[in-house]
């Protein structure tokens, strides 16, 4: 829903920080965070227009159902979960095999993914866990080691660089580069917990994959996350604007192997029931059949 994403593009970062951290790339390509927000707004207007003229929509969560129905109350809505890749079924998290006090994050390329909030939470935790480590899938958007990287760095990368330096977290943050499915699953099984700090999501595959592996998961209370995480039973939810709350729940996971193992078992049970290929294929086929019948009757 690009019509919703633009609202969260700046993700609590002040206008002063956005201006102060603009880079040469942003000026030349006119591609800073504020410019991207405007682009999402324009794309969102086209999306809204399209939804208002649709007869059928396929979705996955109460959140996308609410968004679509608010724009087009008469639309026919069908629900179908996504099937996850085999690698996430094959790996299994175990507290005895994890790297203690390690956090895995699936991506951070844009502010609405919320890495800056997680960094502030890690700063709070570091006094009790000096060896805490955040492992981030994807390229290092903060790197300026080469001339090309210096030219390519954008506002958010520069902002994160400054934040990491000011919070003295340089030794606690590691970018893992691009990972395939097996690499993602392996890192999930190696990590003490998974965090999804996004400001907006629908039905995030990254959270479903983490819970399928059994990695204790903490997610912001956004989009469809409350449908898969039962707070305190198979994971934790927190306000995406509150690093203090995020730090609190990470600490709970770090502090208790018994709690972590319980979250792991319950998370796997929740995710395994939703992302099996056969059931989802049947739901998708059912939707197509009903749509065909409806068209034939018209």
Protein backbone atom coordinates (compact mmCIF):
# COMPACT_ATOMS: atom_id res chain seq x y z
CA UNK A 1 0.00 0.00 0.00
CA UNK A 2 2.16 2.83 -1.28
CA UNK A 3 -0.66 5.23 -0.43
CA UNK A 4 0.11 4.48 3.23
CA UNK A 5 3.89 4.12 3.08
CA UNK A 6 4.50 7.78 2.24
CA UNK A 7 3.06 8.77 5.64
CA UNK A 8 5.89 6.93 7.42
CA UNK A 9 8.77 7.71 5.07
CA UNK A 10 10.57 9.99 7.54
CA UNK A 11 9.92 7.57 10.44
CA UNK A 12 10.27 10.06 13.27
CA UNK A 13 13.48 11.63 11.93
CA UNK A 14 13.35 15.41 12.32
CA UNK A 15 13.31 17.76 9.34
CA UNK A 16 16.60 19.23 10.59
CA UNK A 17 18.27 15.80 10.50
CA UNK A 18 16.92 15.13 7.01
CA UNK A 19 18.31 18.45 5.74
CA UNK A 20 21.60 18.19 7.61
CA UNK A 21 22.33 14.72 6.24
CA UNK A 22 21.53 15.37 2.59
CA UNK A 23 24.32 14.14 0.33
CA UNK A 24 25.70 14.93 -3.11
CA UNK A 25 23.72 12.02 -4.54
CA UNK A 26 20.49 13.44 -3.14
CA UNK A 27 21.12 16.82 -4.74
CA UNK A 28 22.22 15.46 -8.12
CA UNK A 29 19.53 12.78 -8.47
CA UNK A 30 16.89 14.65 -6.49
CA UNK A 31 16.48 11.42 -4.54
CA UNK A 32 16.53 12.31 -0.85
CA UNK A 33 14.04 11.02 1.70
CA UNK A 34 11.71 13.99 1.23
CA UNK A 35 11.78 13.51 -2.54
CA UNK A 36 11.02 9.82 -2.13
CA UNK A 37 8.13 10.68 0.14
CA UNK A 38 6.67 12.84 -2.62
CA UNK A 39 7.16 10.01 -5.16
CA UNK A 40 5.34 7.54 -2.89
CA UNK A 41 2.53 10.05 -2.48
CA UNK A 42 2.11 10.33 -6.26
CA UNK A 43 2.23 6.55 -6.68
CA UNK A 44 -0.28 6.23 -3.87
CA UNK A 45 -2.77 8.46 -5.66
CA UNK A 46 -2.65 6.11 -8.66
CA UNK A 47 -3.03 3.13 -6.34
CA UNK A 48 -6.10 4.64 -4.67
CA UNK A 49 -7.67 5.32 -8.05
CA UNK A 50 -7.03 1.72 -9.13
CA UNK A 51 -8.46 0.19 -5.95
CA UNK A 52 -11.63 2.25 -6.24
CA UNK A 53 -12.25 0.69 -9.65
CA UNK A 54 -11.48 -2.94 -8.76
CA UNK A 55 -14.00 -5.75 -8.40
CA UNK A 56 -11.66 -8.18 -6.64
CA UNK A 57 -8.68 -7.95 -4.30
CA UNK A 58 -6.44 -10.66 -2.85
CA UNK A 59 -4.91 -9.88 0.54
CA UNK A 60 -3.57 -11.47 3.70
CA UNK A 61 -4.31 -9.38 6.80
CA UNK A 62 -7.02 -7.43 8.58
CA UNK A 63 -4.84 -4.38 7.91
CA UNK A 64 -4.92 -4.61 4.10
CA UNK A 65 -8.60 -5.59 4.31
CA UNK A 66 -9.33 -2.40 6.26
CA UNK A 67 -7.29 -0.26 3.85
CA UNK A 68 -8.97 -1.65 0.75
CA UNK A 69 -12.51 -1.62 2.18
CA UNK A 70 -12.13 2.00 3.28
CA UNK A 71 -11.45 2.92 -0.35
CA UNK A 72 -13.87 0.52 -2.01
CA UNK A 73 -16.57 -0.90 0.33
CA UNK A 74 -18.11 -3.05 -2.40
CA UNK A 75 -14.90 -4.81 -3.48
CA UNK A 76 -14.80 -8.61 -3.17
CA UNK A 77 -11.91 -9.48 -0.85
CA UNK A 78 -10.16 -12.86 -0.87
CA UNK A 79 -7.57 -13.95 1.66
CA UNK A 80 -4.55 -16.12 0.92
CA UNK A 81 -1.32 -16.48 2.92
CA UNK A 82 2.09 -16.65 1.26
CA UNK A 83 3.94 -19.94 1.04
CA UNK A 84 7.45 -19.74 2.46
CA UNK A 85 10.56 -21.37 1.06
CA UNK A 86 11.70 -24.81 2.15
CA UNK A 87 14.90 -23.48 3.77
CA UNK A 88 12.89 -21.90 6.60
CA UNK A 89 11.11 -25.16 7.36
CA UNK A 90 14.40 -27.06 7.47
CA UNK A 91 16.25 -24.85 9.97
CA UNK A 92 15.35 -25.00 13.67
CA UNK A 93 16.39 -22.51 16.36
CA UNK A 94 17.86 -23.90 19.58
CA UNK A 95 19.02 -21.83 22.55
CA UNK A 96 22.09 -24.06 22.95
CA UNK A 97 23.37 -23.13 19.49
CA UNK A 98 22.79 -19.37 19.31
CA UNK A 99 25.35 -16.60 19.45
CA UNK A 100 24.49 -14.96 22.76
CA UNK A 101 23.07 -11.42 22.66
CA UNK A 102 22.89 -11.34 18.87
CA UNK A 103 20.01 -9.68 17.02
CA UNK A 104 19.11 -10.37 13.40
CA UNK A 105 17.43 -7.74 11.18
CA UNK A 106 16.29 -8.53 7.64
CA UNK A 107 16.81 -5.08 6.04
CA UNK A 108 17.34 -1.40 6.70
CA UNK A 109 17.55 0.40 3.35
CA UNK A 110 14.94 3.03 4.14
CA UNK A 111 13.83 4.92 7.29
CA UNK A 112 10.42 3.27 7.56
CA UNK A 113 12.19 -0.04 8.22
CA UNK A 114 13.21 1.49 11.57
CA UNK A 115 16.86 0.53 12.06
CA UNK A 116 17.55 3.88 13.79
CA UNK A 117 15.03 2.95 16.51
CA UNK A 118 16.72 -0.42 17.04
CA UNK A 119 20.11 1.32 17.32
CA UNK A 120 18.75 3.52 20.10
CA UNK A 121 17.43 0.42 21.86
CA UNK A 122 20.82 -1.27 21.53
CA UNK A 123 22.47 1.80 23.08
CA UNK A 124 20.21 1.36 26.13
CA UNK A 125 21.09 -2.34 26.35
CA UNK A 126 24.82 -2.02 25.82
CA UNK A 127 25.60 -1.13 29.43
CA UNK A 128 24.31 -4.58 30.49
CA UNK A 129 25.35 -6.42 27.32
CA UNK A 130 28.62 -4.87 26.08
CA UNK A 131 29.01 -7.65 23.49
CA UNK A 132 25.54 -7.15 21.98
CA UNK A 133 25.61 -7.56 18.21
CA UNK A 134 23.16 -6.48 15.50
CA UNK A 135 23.54 -8.46 12.26
CA UNK A 136 21.81 -6.80 9.31
CA UNK A 137 21.02 -8.56 6.03
CA UNK A 138 21.76 -6.51 2.92
CA UNK A 139 24.47 -4.20 1.66
CA UNK A 140 26.11 -1.71 4.00
CA UNK A 141 24.33 1.56 3.20
CA UNK A 142 26.66 3.40 5.59
CA UNK A 143 29.93 2.38 3.92
CA UNK A 144 32.19 5.05 2.40
CA UNK A 145 35.34 2.95 1.96
CA UNK A 146 35.56 3.49 -1.80
CA UNK A 147 34.96 6.54 -3.97
CA UNK A 148 31.91 4.87 -5.52
CA UNK A 149 30.42 4.21 -2.07
CA UNK A 150 31.06 7.82 -1.06
CA UNK A 151 29.19 8.99 -4.15
CA UNK A 152 26.32 6.52 -3.63
CA UNK A 153 25.60 7.15 0.04
CA UNK A 154 22.23 8.78 0.66
CA UNK A 155 20.59 10.73 3.45
CA UNK A 156 19.60 7.72 5.54
CA UNK A 157 22.99 6.06 5.22
CA UNK A 158 24.70 9.26 6.35
CA UNK A 159 22.20 9.65 9.21
CA UNK A 160 22.84 6.07 10.38
CA UNK A 161 26.62 6.58 10.19
CA UNK A 162 26.36 9.59 12.46
CA UNK A 163 23.99 7.80 14.84
CA UNK A 164 26.21 4.71 15.11
CA UNK A 165 29.23 6.92 15.82
CA UNK A 166 27.46 9.10 18.40
CA UNK A 167 26.04 6.07 20.23
CA UNK A 168 29.46 4.35 20.12
CA UNK A 169 28.03 1.25 18.42
CA UNK A 170 30.61 0.80 15.65
CA UNK A 171 31.79 -2.54 17.06
CA UNK A 172 28.25 -3.76 17.66
CA UNK A 173 26.84 -3.42 14.14
CA UNK A 174 27.59 -5.72 11.20
CA UNK A 175 26.14 -5.68 7.67
CA UNK A 176 26.06 -9.19 6.23
CA UNK A 177 25.63 -8.37 2.54
CA UNK A 178 23.06 -9.95 0.26
CA UNK A 179 21.84 -13.32 1.57
CA UNK A 180 19.99 -16.13 -0.20
CA UNK A 181 17.23 -18.11 1.52
CA UNK A 182 19.66 -20.54 3.12
CA UNK A 183 21.81 -17.68 4.42
CA UNK A 184 18.76 -15.95 5.91
CA UNK A 185 17.58 -19.15 7.57
CA UNK A 186 21.05 -19.90 8.95
CA UNK A 187 21.42 -16.43 10.45
CA UNK A 188 17.97 -16.69 12.00
CA UNK A 189 18.86 -20.01 13.63
CA UNK A 190 22.16 -18.55 14.90
CA UNK A 191 20.65 -15.40 16.44
CA UNK A 192 19.44 -14.89 19.99
CA UNK A 193 16.40 -13.00 18.67
CA UNK A 194 14.88 -11.41 15.57
CA UNK A 195 13.64 -7.82 15.51
CA UNK A 196 11.30 -6.22 12.99
CA UNK A 197 11.42 -2.49 13.83
CA UNK A 198 9.34 -1.26 10.86
CA UNK A 199 7.00 1.72 10.99
CA UNK A 200 4.71 0.14 8.41
CA UNK A 201 4.24 -3.41 7.11
CA UNK A 202 1.42 -5.56 5.82
CA UNK A 203 2.21 -9.25 6.25
CA UNK A 204 6.01 -9.26 6.55
CA UNK A 205 7.71 -12.36 5.18
CA UNK A 206 10.73 -11.65 7.36
CA UNK A 207 8.68 -12.05 10.56
CA UNK A 208 6.97 -15.18 9.26
CA UNK A 209 10.35 -16.68 8.31
CA UNK A 210 11.84 -15.90 11.73
CA UNK A 211 8.92 -17.49 13.55
CA UNK A 212 9.02 -20.50 11.22
CA UNK A 213 12.67 -21.09 12.11
CA UNK A 214 11.71 -20.54 15.76
CA UNK A 215 13.82 -17.45 16.40
CA UNK A 216 12.29 -15.47 19.32
CA UNK A 217 10.71 -12.50 17.59
CA UNK A 218 9.99 -8.92 18.58
CA UNK A 219 8.04 -6.75 16.16
CA UNK A 220 6.53 -3.30 16.05
CA UNK A 221 2.74 -3.16 16.43
CA UNK A 222 2.03 -2.38 12.78
CA UNK A 223 0.05 -3.84 9.90
CA UNK A 224 -0.55 -7.56 10.16
CA UNK A 225 2.10 -8.23 12.85
CA UNK A 226 -0.53 -8.46 15.65
CA UNK A 227 -2.21 -11.27 13.70
CA UNK A 228 0.83 -13.54 13.93
CA UNK A 229 2.37 -12.44 17.24
CA UNK A 230 0.30 -13.13 20.33
CA UNK A 231 2.01 -10.74 22.72
CA UNK A 232 3.88 -12.56 25.47
CA UNK A 233 3.01 -16.00 24.11
CA UNK A 234 4.93 -16.42 20.85
CA UNK A 235 6.69 -13.05 20.63
CA UNK A 236 6.49 -9.42 21.68
CA UNK A 237 4.96 -6.29 20.15
CA UNK A 238 5.96 -2.70 20.87
CA UNK A 239 5.24 0.86 19.72
CA UNK A 240 7.57 1.55 16.75
CA UNK A 241 8.41 5.03 18.08
CA UNK A 242 9.66 3.72 21.45
CA UNK A 243 13.24 2.37 21.60
CA UNK A 244 12.83 2.03 25.38
CA UNK A 245 10.02 -0.51 24.96
CA UNK A 246 11.99 -2.40 22.33
CA UNK A 247 15.02 -2.53 24.65
CA UNK A 248 12.79 -3.87 27.44
CA UNK A 249 11.56 -6.82 25.37
CA UNK A 250 14.98 -7.66 23.95
CA UNK A 251 16.27 -7.72 27.53
CA UNK A 252 13.50 -10.17 28.51
CA UNK A 253 14.60 -12.54 25.76
CA UNK A 254 18.30 -12.19 26.59
CA UNK A 255 17.63 -12.75 30.29
CA UNK A 256 15.76 -16.05 30.16
CA UNK A 257 16.62 -19.15 28.18
CA UNK A 258 13.35 -20.71 29.35
CA UNK A 259 11.30 -17.78 28.04
CA UNK A 260 13.25 -17.72 24.76
CA UNK A 261 12.63 -21.43 24.19
CA UNK A 262 8.93 -21.04 24.93
CA UNK A 263 8.60 -18.16 22.45
CA UNK A 264 10.48 -20.26 19.90
CA UNK A 265 8.21 -23.30 20.18
CA UNK A 266 5.01 -21.25 20.09
CA UNK A 267 6.27 -19.15 17.20
CA UNK A 268 7.02 -22.21 15.10
CA UNK A 269 3.56 -23.62 15.75
CA UNK A 270 1.92 -20.35 14.71
CA UNK A 271 3.93 -19.90 11.53
CA UNK A 272 3.89 -23.52 10.35
CA UNK A 273 0.10 -23.53 10.25
CA UNK A 274 -0.04 -20.54 7.89
CA UNK A 275 2.66 -20.95 5.30
CA UNK A 276 2.23 -24.47 3.93
CA UNK A 277 2.12 -24.56 0.12
CA UNK A 278 -0.82 -26.97 -0.36
CA UNK A 279 -3.28 -25.05 1.81
CA UNK A 280 -2.38 -21.71 0.28
CA UNK A 281 -2.58 -23.12 -3.25
CA UNK A 282 -6.07 -24.40 -2.52
CA UNK A 283 -7.17 -21.01 -1.17
CA UNK A 284 -5.79 -19.24 -4.25
CA UNK A 285 -7.48 -21.72 -6.59
CA UNK A 286 -10.76 -21.29 -4.73
CA UNK A 287 -10.57 -17.52 -5.17
CA UNK A 288 -9.99 -17.82 -8.93
CA UNK A 289 -12.86 -20.29 -9.33
CA UNK A 290 -15.28 -18.01 -7.47
CA UNK A 291 -14.20 -15.00 -9.54
CA UNK A 292 -14.70 -16.95 -12.80
CA UNK A 293 -18.17 -18.07 -11.71
CA UNK A 294 -19.05 -14.51 -10.72
CA UNK A 295 -17.98 -13.19 -14.13
CA UNK A 296 -19.91 -15.89 -15.97
CA UNK A 297 -23.06 -15.01 -14.03
CA UNK A 298 -22.63 -11.36 -14.98
